[in-house]
């Protein structure tokens, strides 16, 4: 599943810094890891298995900042399966 607008609204929020959060997104399970500023930098999207691991897709966020700390690039990349 590719991140769509409603998913981007959830993952673009600011959360507690340096945490791993789990939530539901429609029929999918969603887990996200945040950086030191509380921005989601990695998400796992799919279905939880019996062990509690998400089987689905993994996405990583690329953030690039300029000299004055202005955001230049904000891009999500599909990194493959979340759990092989």
N, C-alpha and C. Protein backbone atom coordinates (compact mmCIF):
# COMPACT_ATOMS: atom_id res chain seq x y z
N UNK A 1 0.85 -1.18 0.00
CA UNK A 1 0.00 0.00 0.00
C UNK A 1 0.88 1.24 0.00
N UNK A 2 0.60 2.16 -0.87
CA UNK A 2 1.36 3.40 -0.96
C UNK A 2 0.73 4.44 -0.02
N UNK A 3 1.56 5.25 0.67
CA UNK A 3 0.99 6.27 1.55
C UNK A 3 0.08 7.23 0.78
N UNK A 4 -1.18 7.34 1.20
CA UNK A 4 -2.11 8.25 0.56
C UNK A 4 -2.34 9.46 1.46
N UNK A 5 -3.24 10.34 1.08
CA UNK A 5 -3.45 11.59 1.80
C UNK A 5 -3.89 11.37 3.24
N UNK A 6 -4.81 10.46 3.50
CA UNK A 6 -5.27 10.26 4.87
C UNK A 6 -4.17 9.65 5.74
N UNK A 7 -3.36 8.78 5.17
CA UNK A 7 -2.23 8.23 5.91
C UNK A 7 -1.17 9.30 6.15
N UNK A 8 -0.91 10.13 5.17
CA UNK A 8 0.07 11.20 5.32
C UNK A 8 -0.36 12.19 6.40
N UNK A 9 -1.67 12.41 6.56
CA UNK A 9 -2.15 13.29 7.62
C UNK A 9 -1.80 12.74 9.00
N UNK A 10 -1.82 11.43 9.14
CA UNK A 10 -1.49 10.80 10.43
C UNK A 10 0.02 10.82 10.66
N UNK A 11 0.79 10.44 9.66
CA UNK A 11 2.23 10.31 9.87
C UNK A 11 2.98 11.64 9.80
N UNK A 12 2.34 12.70 9.33
CA UNK A 12 3.00 14.01 9.31
C UNK A 12 2.79 14.79 10.61
N UNK A 13 2.03 14.24 11.54
CA UNK A 13 1.85 14.89 12.84
C UNK A 13 3.13 14.77 13.65
N UNK A 14 3.25 15.60 14.68
CA UNK A 14 4.37 15.52 15.60
C UNK A 14 3.95 14.71 16.82
N UNK A 15 4.74 13.72 17.16
CA UNK A 15 4.46 12.84 18.28
C UNK A 15 5.56 13.00 19.33
N UNK A 16 5.49 12.19 20.36
CA UNK A 16 6.51 12.21 21.40
C UNK A 16 7.85 11.79 20.79
N UNK A 17 8.94 12.50 21.11
CA UNK A 17 10.25 12.19 20.53
C UNK A 17 10.77 10.80 20.91
N UNK A 18 11.51 10.21 19.99
CA UNK A 18 12.19 8.92 20.20
C UNK A 18 11.28 7.84 20.76
N UNK A 19 10.15 7.62 20.10
CA UNK A 19 9.22 6.58 20.55
C UNK A 19 8.84 5.67 19.40
N UNK A 20 8.23 4.56 19.73
CA UNK A 20 7.69 3.62 18.77
C UNK A 20 6.22 3.48 19.09
N UNK A 21 5.34 3.96 18.20
CA UNK A 21 3.90 3.98 18.43
C UNK A 21 3.21 2.97 17.54
N UNK A 22 2.15 2.37 18.06
CA UNK A 22 1.32 1.45 17.28
C UNK A 22 -0.11 1.94 17.29
N UNK A 23 -0.78 1.84 16.15
CA UNK A 23 -2.17 2.27 16.02
C UNK A 23 -2.81 1.53 14.86
N UNK A 24 -4.11 1.71 14.71
CA UNK A 24 -4.84 1.13 13.59
C UNK A 24 -5.05 2.21 12.54
N UNK A 25 -4.96 1.80 11.27
CA UNK A 25 -5.27 2.68 10.16
C UNK A 25 -6.19 1.90 9.23
N UNK A 26 -7.47 2.17 9.37
CA UNK A 26 -8.45 1.40 8.60
C UNK A 26 -8.38 -0.06 8.97
N UNK A 27 -8.16 -0.92 7.99
CA UNK A 27 -8.05 -2.36 8.26
C UNK A 27 -6.61 -2.79 8.50
N UNK A 28 -5.68 -1.85 8.49
CA UNK A 28 -4.26 -2.15 8.66
C UNK A 28 -3.77 -1.79 10.07
N UNK A 29 -2.70 -2.45 10.47
CA UNK A 29 -1.98 -2.08 11.68
C UNK A 29 -0.84 -1.16 11.24
N UNK A 30 -0.60 -0.13 12.02
CA UNK A 30 0.41 0.87 11.68
C UNK A 30 1.32 1.06 12.89
N UNK A 31 2.61 0.99 12.65
CA UNK A 31 3.59 1.28 13.70
C UNK A 31 4.52 2.33 13.14
N UNK A 32 4.87 3.31 13.96
CA UNK A 32 5.79 4.34 13.49
C UNK A 32 6.84 4.64 14.54
N UNK A 33 8.01 4.97 14.04
CA UNK A 33 9.14 5.32 14.90
C UNK A 33 9.41 6.80 14.68
N UNK A 34 9.65 7.54 15.78
CA UNK A 34 9.86 8.97 15.68
C UNK A 34 11.32 9.33 15.95
N UNK A 35 11.72 10.49 15.46
CA UNK A 35 13.08 10.98 15.70
C UNK A 35 13.12 11.85 16.95
N UNK A 36 14.21 12.56 17.17
CA UNK A 36 14.38 13.37 18.38
C UNK A 36 13.45 14.58 18.40
N UNK A 37 12.90 14.96 17.24
CA UNK A 37 11.96 16.08 17.18
C UNK A 37 10.50 15.63 17.15
N UNK A 38 10.25 14.32 17.20
CA UNK A 38 8.89 13.81 17.22
C UNK A 38 8.28 13.58 15.85
N UNK A 39 9.07 13.69 14.80
CA UNK A 39 8.58 13.43 13.44
C UNK A 39 8.71 11.94 13.13
N UNK A 40 7.70 11.38 12.46
CA UNK A 40 7.77 9.98 12.05
C UNK A 40 8.88 9.83 11.01
N UNK A 41 9.79 8.87 11.24
CA UNK A 41 10.88 8.65 10.29
C UNK A 41 10.83 7.27 9.67
N UNK A 42 10.07 6.35 10.28
CA UNK A 42 9.91 5.02 9.73
C UNK A 42 8.53 4.52 10.09
N UNK A 43 7.85 3.90 9.10
CA UNK A 43 6.54 3.32 9.37
C UNK A 43 6.50 1.88 8.87
N UNK A 44 5.71 1.10 9.56
CA UNK A 44 5.43 -0.28 9.19
C UNK A 44 3.92 -0.37 9.02
N UNK A 45 3.47 -0.83 7.86
CA UNK A 45 2.04 -0.85 7.54
C UNK A 45 1.67 -2.22 7.02
N UNK A 46 0.72 -2.87 7.69
CA UNK A 46 0.28 -4.19 7.28
C UNK A 46 -0.61 -4.81 8.34
N UNK A 47 -0.52 -6.12 8.49
CA UNK A 47 -1.30 -6.87 9.49
C UNK A 47 -0.35 -7.49 10.50
N UNK A 48 -0.73 -7.45 11.77
CA UNK A 48 0.06 -8.09 12.82
C UNK A 48 -0.12 -9.60 12.74
N UNK A 49 0.99 -10.32 12.96
CA UNK A 49 0.90 -11.77 13.02
C UNK A 49 0.71 -12.21 14.48
N UNK A 50 0.77 -13.50 14.73
CA UNK A 50 0.53 -14.03 16.08
C UNK A 50 1.60 -13.57 17.08
N UNK A 51 2.78 -13.23 16.60
CA UNK A 51 3.87 -12.77 17.47
C UNK A 51 3.84 -11.27 17.71
N UNK A 52 2.92 -10.56 17.08
CA UNK A 52 2.82 -9.12 17.25
C UNK A 52 3.66 -8.32 16.27
N UNK A 53 4.30 -8.99 15.31
CA UNK A 53 5.10 -8.30 14.30
C UNK A 53 4.21 -7.96 13.11
N UNK A 54 4.46 -6.81 12.52
CA UNK A 54 3.66 -6.39 11.37
C UNK A 54 4.24 -6.98 10.10
N UNK A 55 3.38 -7.67 9.36
CA UNK A 55 3.75 -8.22 8.06
C UNK A 55 3.10 -7.33 7.01
N UNK A 56 3.92 -6.67 6.24
CA UNK A 56 3.42 -5.76 5.24
C UNK A 56 4.56 -4.98 4.63
N UNK A 57 4.44 -3.67 4.60
CA UNK A 57 5.44 -2.82 3.96
C UNK A 57 6.13 -1.91 4.97
N UNK A 58 7.37 -1.57 4.64
CA UNK A 58 8.18 -0.67 5.47
C UNK A 58 8.54 0.55 4.64
N UNK A 59 8.38 1.72 5.24
CA UNK A 59 8.69 2.98 4.58
C UNK A 59 9.64 3.79 5.47
N UNK A 60 10.56 4.49 4.85
CA UNK A 60 11.48 5.36 5.58
C UNK A 60 11.35 6.78 5.03
N UNK A 61 11.52 7.73 5.91
CA UNK A 61 11.35 9.13 5.54
C UNK A 61 12.72 9.78 5.39
N UNK A 62 12.89 10.52 4.32
CA UNK A 62 14.11 11.27 4.09
C UNK A 62 13.80 12.75 4.30
N UNK A 63 14.46 13.33 5.28
CA UNK A 63 14.30 14.75 5.58
C UNK A 63 15.64 15.44 5.31
N UNK A 64 15.58 16.54 4.58
CA UNK A 64 16.79 17.30 4.30
C UNK A 64 16.53 18.75 4.67
N UNK A 65 17.45 19.32 5.45
CA UNK A 65 17.29 20.68 5.94
C UNK A 65 18.38 21.58 5.36
N UNK A 66 18.03 22.86 5.19
CA UNK A 66 18.97 23.85 4.69
C UNK A 66 19.80 24.47 5.80
N UNK A 67 20.52 25.50 5.45
CA UNK A 67 21.41 26.16 6.40
C UNK A 67 20.68 26.79 7.58
N UNK A 68 19.52 27.34 7.34
CA UNK A 68 18.75 28.00 8.39
C UNK A 68 17.71 27.06 9.01
N UNK A 69 17.97 25.76 8.90
CA UNK A 69 17.07 24.74 9.43
C UNK A 69 15.70 24.71 8.75
N UNK A 70 15.61 25.23 7.52
CA UNK A 70 14.36 25.14 6.78
C UNK A 70 14.31 23.80 6.06
N UNK A 71 13.14 23.23 5.99
CA UNK A 71 12.95 21.92 5.38
C UNK A 71 13.04 22.05 3.87
N UNK A 72 13.98 21.33 3.27
CA UNK A 72 14.16 21.36 1.82
C UNK A 72 13.49 20.16 1.17
N UNK A 73 13.65 19.00 1.78
CA UNK A 73 13.12 17.77 1.18
C UNK A 73 12.43 16.92 2.24
N UNK A 74 11.25 16.44 1.93
CA UNK A 74 10.49 15.55 2.80
C UNK A 74 9.89 14.47 1.90
N UNK A 75 10.48 13.29 1.94
CA UNK A 75 10.11 12.25 0.98
C UNK A 75 10.03 10.90 1.68
N UNK A 76 8.98 10.12 1.39
CA UNK A 76 8.83 8.77 1.90
C UNK A 76 9.27 7.77 0.84
N UNK A 77 10.10 6.80 1.24
CA UNK A 77 10.59 5.78 0.33
C UNK A 77 10.11 4.40 0.79
N UNK A 78 9.68 3.59 -0.16
CA UNK A 78 9.29 2.22 0.15
C UNK A 78 10.57 1.40 0.25
N UNK A 79 10.77 0.74 1.39
CA UNK A 79 11.99 -0.01 1.65
C UNK A 79 11.82 -1.52 1.54
N UNK A 80 10.64 -1.96 1.20
CA UNK A 80 10.42 -3.40 1.04
C UNK A 80 9.51 -3.95 2.12
N UNK A 81 9.54 -5.28 2.27
CA UNK A 81 8.67 -5.92 3.25
C UNK A 81 9.06 -5.57 4.68
N UNK A 82 8.05 -5.45 5.54
CA UNK A 82 8.29 -5.12 6.95
C UNK A 82 8.83 -6.32 7.69
N UNK A 83 8.32 -7.50 7.45
CA UNK A 83 8.80 -8.72 8.08
C UNK A 83 8.87 -9.80 7.00
N UNK A 84 10.08 -10.25 6.72
CA UNK A 84 10.20 -11.27 5.63
C UNK A 84 9.59 -12.60 6.00
